[in-house]
Amino acid sequence: MRHLKAFHVFHVAAALESYNKAADKLCITHGAVSKQIKTLETHLAVSLFYRDGRNVKLTPAGKLLSGYTEQAFNALEAGVQHVTQVTHKHLEVSCEPTLTMRWLMPRLSDFYQDNVDADVRLSTAGGPVILGSNGLSLAIRRDDFPLLHDYQQTPLVEEWVGPVFSPEYWQQVQNDAGKIKLLHSQTRPQAWDHWLQGNAVSCLKVQSLKVQSEQKFAHFYFCLQAVVDNLGAAIGSYPLVMDDLERGNLVAPFGFKRSGHNYILLSQDDALLKQGKTLLGKDCESDTLQRNFINWLQLNLAMCVPSQ
């Protein structure tokens, strides 16, 4: 296509409605932006922008063209991401922050022992996710939110939850529920309420638990760390507390119950990815790495259930 550079400059300028901002984003001068726009206007024999004080606005023709350039460059960006996923040897994985820090990262070295040349790159996030964005291949999530995309869901482990205490804190409060401080996180604000509704513990006065002092943390990871630091008690998800339980940093005197949720793996059943692998004519190393990582996750997380 003729004047592809000019179309790209127009695309950026149209999105920002500013020659100056477009110049900054493209690392070129204001004059270079203006020259490319003028080249495109001459080629198309239409005006694409008009002046509005110090700003520029799209003409009707400019608005029409910007709709097509947005589709074209978004499609091109998606194509680049798919090519990257198909051909590169690394794997981009998004995982919930607390699961990443308290379970996945401590075990990732075990995966590398059997996959010496593997390159798994982690990013932390929770909730909805867009696979394919920035090369993202997989996402590990707790299934407590509606899925907005038709991704393939691989079950990893059923979630079990229960109150956890540091041993020292439990010694202080086990005979007096009135002393217990309930710790909450903003990401799981109803955890205590859900547990109390389904678990009437005879050795604790459940009603008294509901009115005790409370403390909230911005994230579940901070909440669990506060438990280790003797600041109170929290509802722990078993994979996230199992290491501290084994080390003796935490105790779970009431055991664990099914929460009704699961940890799942989200992956793309993407026709473009399959087509790309077919065109390459071989089983890509990234595809093998992804299968190995999924198999490893399933095997190791499947064992993360409490003994009953």
Protein backbone atom coordinates (compact mmCIF):
# COMPACT_ATOMS: atom_id res chain seq x y z
CA MET A 1 0.00 0.00 0.00
CA ARG A 2 1.28 3.47 -0.85
CA HIS A 3 1.86 5.96 1.97
CA LEU A 4 1.62 3.35 4.75
CA LYS A 5 3.71 5.57 7.05
CA ALA A 6 1.33 8.48 6.41
CA PHE A 7 -1.65 6.27 7.25
CA HIS A 8 0.00 5.30 10.56
CA VAL A 9 0.75 8.92 11.45
CA PHE A 10 -2.85 9.82 10.64
CA HIS A 11 -4.08 6.90 12.78
CA VAL A 12 -2.14 8.15 15.82
CA ALA A 13 -3.03 11.80 15.28
CA ALA A 14 -6.71 10.93 14.83
CA ALA A 15 -6.77 8.97 18.08
CA LEU A 16 -5.09 11.79 20.02
CA GLU A 17 -6.66 14.70 18.07
CA SER A 18 -3.35 16.46 18.39
CA TYR A 19 -0.34 16.83 16.11
CA ASN A 20 1.88 17.63 19.11
CA LYS A 21 0.82 14.53 21.07
CA ALA A 22 1.17 12.39 17.96
CA ALA A 23 4.68 13.75 17.42
CA ASP A 24 5.63 12.91 21.02
CA LYS A 25 4.22 9.39 20.76
CA LEU A 26 5.90 8.71 17.43
CA CYS A 27 9.17 10.42 18.44
CA ILE A 28 9.12 12.72 15.43
CA THR A 29 8.66 16.47 15.03
CA HIS A 30 5.40 18.37 14.74
CA GLY A 31 6.44 19.33 11.22
CA ALA A 32 6.94 15.68 10.26
CA VAL A 33 3.41 14.86 11.44
CA SER A 34 1.97 17.78 9.49
CA LYS A 35 3.91 16.73 6.37
CA GLN A 36 2.63 13.14 6.52
CA ILE A 37 -0.96 14.30 6.98
CA LYS A 38 -0.62 16.69 4.04
CA THR A 39 0.81 13.85 1.91
CA LEU A 40 -2.21 11.68 2.75
CA GLU A 41 -4.70 14.50 2.11
CA THR A 42 -3.11 15.13 -1.29
CA HIS A 43 -3.20 11.43 -2.12
CA LEU A 44 -6.88 11.12 -1.14
CA ALA A 45 -7.89 14.61 -2.37
CA VAL A 46 -9.77 15.32 0.88
CA SER A 47 -9.18 17.28 4.05
CA LEU A 48 -8.78 15.05 7.08
CA PHE A 49 -8.39 17.66 9.86
CA TYR A 50 -9.46 21.21 10.49
CA ARG A 51 -8.19 23.73 13.01
CA ASP A 52 -10.22 24.45 16.15
CA GLY A 53 -8.25 27.10 18.00
CA ARG A 54 -4.96 25.46 18.96
CA ASN A 55 -6.39 21.99 18.49
CA VAL A 56 -7.21 19.89 15.44
CA LYS A 57 -10.45 18.07 14.79
CA LEU A 58 -11.36 15.37 12.30
CA THR A 59 -13.43 16.30 9.29
CA PRO A 60 -16.27 13.93 8.30
CA ALA A 61 -13.87 12.29 5.83
CA GLY A 62 -11.25 12.05 8.56
CA LYS A 63 -13.72 10.37 10.94
CA LEU A 64 -14.67 7.87 8.24
CA LEU A 65 -11.04 7.06 7.47
CA SER A 66 -10.08 6.79 11.16
CA GLY A 67 -12.60 3.99 11.62
CA TYR A 68 -10.86 1.96 8.95
CA THR A 69 -7.32 2.74 10.10
CA GLU A 70 -8.25 1.74 13.65
CA GLN A 71 -9.48 -1.65 12.40
CA ALA A 72 -6.43 -2.08 10.19
CA PHE A 73 -3.76 -1.24 12.76
CA ASN A 74 -5.53 -3.12 15.56
CA ALA A 75 -5.65 -6.18 13.30
CA LEU A 76 -1.97 -5.73 12.48
CA GLU A 77 -1.09 -5.47 16.18
CA ALA A 78 -3.09 -8.62 16.92
CA GLY A 79 -1.28 -10.38 14.10
CA VAL A 80 2.10 -9.40 15.52
CA GLN A 81 1.07 -10.72 18.93
CA HIS A 82 -0.06 -14.02 17.44
CA VAL A 83 3.17 -14.43 15.51
CA THR A 84 5.07 -13.72 18.73
CA GLN A 85 3.07 -16.33 20.63
CA VAL A 86 3.52 -18.93 17.91
CA THR A 87 7.23 -18.50 17.33
CA HIS A 88 8.80 -17.38 20.62
CA LYS A 89 10.10 -19.85 23.17
CA HIS A 90 8.84 -18.03 26.26
CA LEU A 91 5.45 -18.30 27.93
CA GLU A 92 3.57 -15.29 29.32
CA VAL A 93 1.39 -16.29 32.30
CA SER A 94 -0.92 -14.09 34.35
CA CYS A 95 -1.65 -15.33 37.86
CA GLU A 96 -3.49 -13.95 40.88
CA PRO A 97 -0.97 -12.04 43.02
CA THR A 98 -1.33 -14.04 46.25
CA LEU A 99 -1.22 -17.39 44.45
CA THR A 100 1.86 -16.18 42.56
CA MET A 101 3.77 -15.13 45.65
CA ARG A 102 2.69 -17.83 48.10
CA TRP A 103 2.45 -20.88 45.84
CA LEU A 104 3.67 -20.53 42.24
CA MET A 105 6.98 -18.69 42.62
CA PRO A 106 8.31 -20.94 45.40
CA ARG A 107 7.69 -23.98 43.14
CA LEU A 108 8.70 -22.63 39.75
CA SER A 109 12.28 -23.84 40.19
CA ASP A 110 10.89 -27.41 40.30
CA PHE A 111 9.36 -26.86 36.87
CA TYR A 112 12.67 -25.57 35.51
CA GLN A 113 14.50 -28.67 36.73
CA ASP A 114 12.53 -30.78 34.25
CA ASN A 115 12.34 -28.04 31.61
CA VAL A 116 15.85 -26.68 31.54
CA ASP A 117 15.43 -24.28 28.61
CA ALA A 118 11.97 -23.06 29.66
CA ASP A 119 11.24 -19.35 30.04
CA VAL A 120 8.02 -18.69 31.96
CA ARG A 121 7.33 -15.00 32.52
CA LEU A 122 4.83 -14.15 35.25
CA SER A 123 2.60 -11.14 35.65
CA THR A 124 0.22 -10.63 38.56
CA ALA A 125 -3.44 -9.75 38.13
CA GLY A 126 -6.85 -10.98 39.20
CA GLY A 127 -10.29 -11.06 37.69
CA PRO A 128 -11.09 -10.58 33.99
CA VAL A 129 -8.25 -11.01 31.53
CA ILE A 130 -7.68 -10.61 27.79
CA LEU A 131 -5.49 -13.40 26.48
CA GLY A 132 -3.30 -12.50 23.53
CA SER A 133 -2.77 -8.97 24.86
CA ASN A 134 0.97 -8.29 25.04
CA GLY A 135 1.62 -11.91 24.17
CA LEU A 136 -0.29 -13.26 27.19
CA SER A 137 -0.87 -17.00 26.73
CA LEU A 138 -2.37 -18.30 29.98
CA ALA A 139 -4.14 -17.00 33.07
CA ILE A 140 -4.55 -18.72 36.45
CA ARG A 141 -7.64 -17.52 38.27
CA ARG A 142 -10.11 -18.32 41.03
CA ASP A 143 -13.51 -18.71 39.33
CA ASP A 144 -15.28 -16.01 41.33
CA PHE A 145 -16.03 -13.63 38.45
CA PRO A 146 -17.97 -13.86 35.17
CA LEU A 147 -15.86 -14.80 32.17
CA LEU A 148 -16.24 -12.25 29.39
CA HIS A 149 -14.54 -14.37 26.73
CA ASP A 150 -15.02 -17.90 25.50
CA TYR A 151 -11.68 -19.21 26.74
CA GLN A 152 -10.84 -22.82 27.35
CA GLN A 153 -11.10 -23.57 31.09
CA THR A 154 -8.89 -26.22 32.64
CA PRO A 155 -9.78 -27.13 36.26
CA LEU A 156 -6.73 -27.09 38.53
CA VAL A 157 -7.99 -27.69 42.06
CA GLU A 158 -11.12 -27.24 44.15
CA GLU A 159 -10.71 -24.50 46.73
CA TRP A 160 -10.92 -25.26 50.47
CA VAL A 161 -11.00 -22.45 53.03
CA GLY A 162 -10.82 -22.08 56.80
CA PRO A 163 -9.72 -19.71 59.59
CA VAL A 164 -5.98 -19.53 60.12
CA PHE A 165 -4.05 -18.17 63.10
CA SER A 166 -0.43 -17.88 64.06
CA PRO A 167 0.32 -20.42 66.85
CA GLU A 168 1.02 -17.62 69.31
CA TYR A 169 -2.18 -15.76 68.50
CA TRP A 170 -4.26 -18.93 68.73
CA GLN A 171 -2.88 -19.58 72.22
CA GLN A 172 -4.08 -16.12 73.26
CA VAL A 173 -7.64 -16.37 71.90
CA GLN A 174 -8.62 -20.06 71.83
CA ASN A 175 -10.51 -19.80 75.12
CA ASP A 176 -12.04 -16.37 74.49
CA ALA A 177 -13.57 -15.64 71.09
CA GLY A 178 -14.08 -12.06 72.20
CA LYS A 179 -10.38 -11.40 71.74
CA ILE A 180 -10.25 -12.44 68.09
CA LYS A 181 -9.64 -9.71 65.55
CA LEU A 182 -11.05 -10.59 62.14
CA LEU A 183 -8.78 -9.66 59.28
CA HIS A 184 -10.32 -8.93 55.88
CA SER A 185 -9.03 -8.09 52.43
CA GLN A 186 -10.69 -5.78 49.93
CA THR A 187 -10.40 -8.51 47.31
CA ARG A 188 -12.34 -11.02 49.46
CA PRO A 189 -14.44 -8.84 51.77
CA GLN A 190 -17.14 -11.47 52.48
CA ALA A 191 -14.79 -14.34 53.33
CA TRP A 192 -15.55 -14.36 57.07
CA ASP A 193 -19.30 -13.91 56.56
CA HIS A 194 -19.47 -16.84 54.14
CA TRP A 195 -17.48 -19.08 56.46
CA LEU A 196 -19.51 -18.13 59.56
CA GLN A 197 -22.81 -18.78 57.76
CA GLY A 198 -21.82 -22.33 56.88
CA ASN A 199 -19.69 -23.34 59.85
CA ALA A 200 -21.22 -23.11 63.31
CA VAL A 201 -18.23 -24.09 65.43
CA SER A 202 -19.29 -25.38 68.82
CA CYS A 203 -16.15 -24.33 70.67
CA LEU A 204 -16.45 -20.72 69.57
CA LYS A 205 -19.33 -18.34 70.07
CA VAL A 206 -20.00 -17.55 66.44
CA GLN A 207 -22.18 -14.57 67.23
CA SER A 208 -19.42 -12.97 69.25
CA LEU A 209 -17.07 -13.33 66.29
CA LYS A 210 -19.34 -11.14 64.21
CA VAL A 211 -18.98 -8.10 66.45
CA GLN A 212 -15.30 -8.20 67.28
CA SER A 213 -12.68 -5.70 66.18
CA GLU A 214 -11.78 -5.93 62.53
CA GLN A 215 -9.06 -4.74 60.22
CA LYS A 216 -9.07 -4.49 56.45
CA PHE A 217 -6.15 -4.76 54.05
CA ALA A 218 -5.91 -3.72 50.43
CA HIS A 219 -4.93 -7.19 49.30
CA PHE A 220 -5.27 -10.80 50.40
CA TYR A 221 -1.50 -11.22 50.48
CA PHE A 222 -1.17 -8.49 53.13
CA CYS A 223 -4.04 -10.02 55.08
CA LEU A 224 -2.32 -13.40 55.30
CA GLN A 225 1.00 -11.81 56.19
CA ALA A 226 -0.75 -9.98 59.02
CA VAL A 227 -1.93 -13.35 60.35
CA VAL A 228 1.65 -14.65 60.35
CA ASP A 229 2.62 -11.48 62.24
CA ASN A 230 0.10 -12.19 65.04
CA LEU A 231 -2.28 -9.34 64.14
CA GLY A 232 -5.45 -11.44 63.95
CA ALA A 233 -7.16 -14.30 62.14
CA ALA A 234 -8.19 -14.59 58.49
CA ILE A 235 -9.97 -17.03 56.22
CA GLY A 236 -7.22 -18.80 54.33
CA SER A 237 -7.45 -20.51 50.96
CA TYR A 238 -5.61 -23.81 51.32
CA PRO A 239 -3.07 -23.52 48.45
CA LEU A 240 -2.13 -20.07 49.75
CA VAL A 241 -1.48 -21.14 53.35
CA MET A 242 -0.32 -24.75 53.03
CA ASP A 243 3.38 -23.91 53.12
CA ASP A 244 3.02 -21.84 56.30
CA LEU A 245 0.93 -24.58 57.86
CA GLU A 246 3.65 -27.12 57.08
CA ARG A 247 6.36 -24.86 58.51
CA GLY A 248 4.36 -24.20 61.66
CA ASN A 249 3.89 -20.50 60.96
CA LEU A 250 0.10 -20.95 60.88
CA VAL A 251 -2.47 -23.26 62.44
CA ALA A 252 -6.00 -24.08 61.25
CA PRO A 253 -7.78 -25.37 64.37
CA PHE A 254 -11.17 -25.70 62.63
CA GLY A 255 -9.90 -27.32 59.46
CA PHE A 256 -11.00 -26.45 55.95
CA LYS A 257 -14.27 -26.63 54.03
CA ARG A 258 -15.07 -26.41 50.32
CA SER A 259 -15.69 -22.81 49.30
CA GLY A 260 -17.69 -23.67 46.18
CA HIS A 261 -15.00 -22.16 43.97
CA ASN A 262 -12.13 -23.60 41.97
CA TYR A 263 -8.78 -22.49 40.71
CA ILE A 264 -8.80 -22.70 36.92
CA LEU A 265 -6.49 -22.13 33.99
CA LEU A 266 -7.69 -19.98 31.10
CA SER A 267 -6.19 -20.53 27.66
CA GLN A 268 -7.08 -19.64 24.11
CA ASP A 269 -8.82 -22.02 21.78
CA ASP A 270 -7.74 -19.66 19.06
CA ALA A 271 -8.15 -20.50 15.38
CA LEU A 272 -5.52 -17.94 14.44
CA LEU A 273 -2.95 -19.56 16.74
CA LYS A 274 -3.72 -22.98 15.30
CA GLN A 275 -3.52 -21.60 11.79
CA GLY A 276 -0.18 -19.97 12.58
CA LYS A 277 1.27 -23.24 13.86
CA THR A 278 0.01 -25.03 10.75
CA LEU A 279 1.61 -22.46 8.46
CA LEU A 280 4.91 -22.82 10.26
CA GLY A 281 4.74 -26.51 9.46
CA LYS A 282 6.00 -27.73 12.85
CA ASP A 283 5.11 -28.14 16.46
CA CYS A 284 6.37 -24.88 17.91
CA GLU A 285 8.59 -24.88 20.95
CA SER A 286 6.22 -22.41 22.63
CA ASP A 287 3.36 -24.90 22.14
CA THR A 288 5.39 -27.68 23.77
CA LEU A 289 6.34 -25.38 26.63
CA GLN A 290 2.69 -24.44 27.16
CA ARG A 291 1.59 -28.09 27.29
CA ASN A 292 4.38 -28.95 29.72
CA PHE A 293 3.53 -26.03 31.97
CA ILE A 294 -0.19 -26.87 31.99
CA ASN A 295 0.53 -30.51 32.81
CA TRP A 296 2.86 -29.45 35.63
CA LEU A 297 0.26 -27.05 37.05
CA GLN A 298 -2.47 -29.67 36.99
CA LEU A 299 -0.29 -32.29 38.65
CA ASN A 300 0.98 -30.04 41.44
CA LEU A 301 -2.17 -28.07 42.21
CA ALA A 302 -4.28 -31.23 42.25
CA MET A 303 -2.40 -32.23 45.41
CA CYS A 304 -3.20 -28.95 47.17
CA VAL A 305 -6.18 -30.16 49.18
CA PRO A 306 -6.25 -30.62 52.95
CA SER A 307 -6.17 -34.08 54.47
CA GLN A 308 -9.47 -34.89 56.11
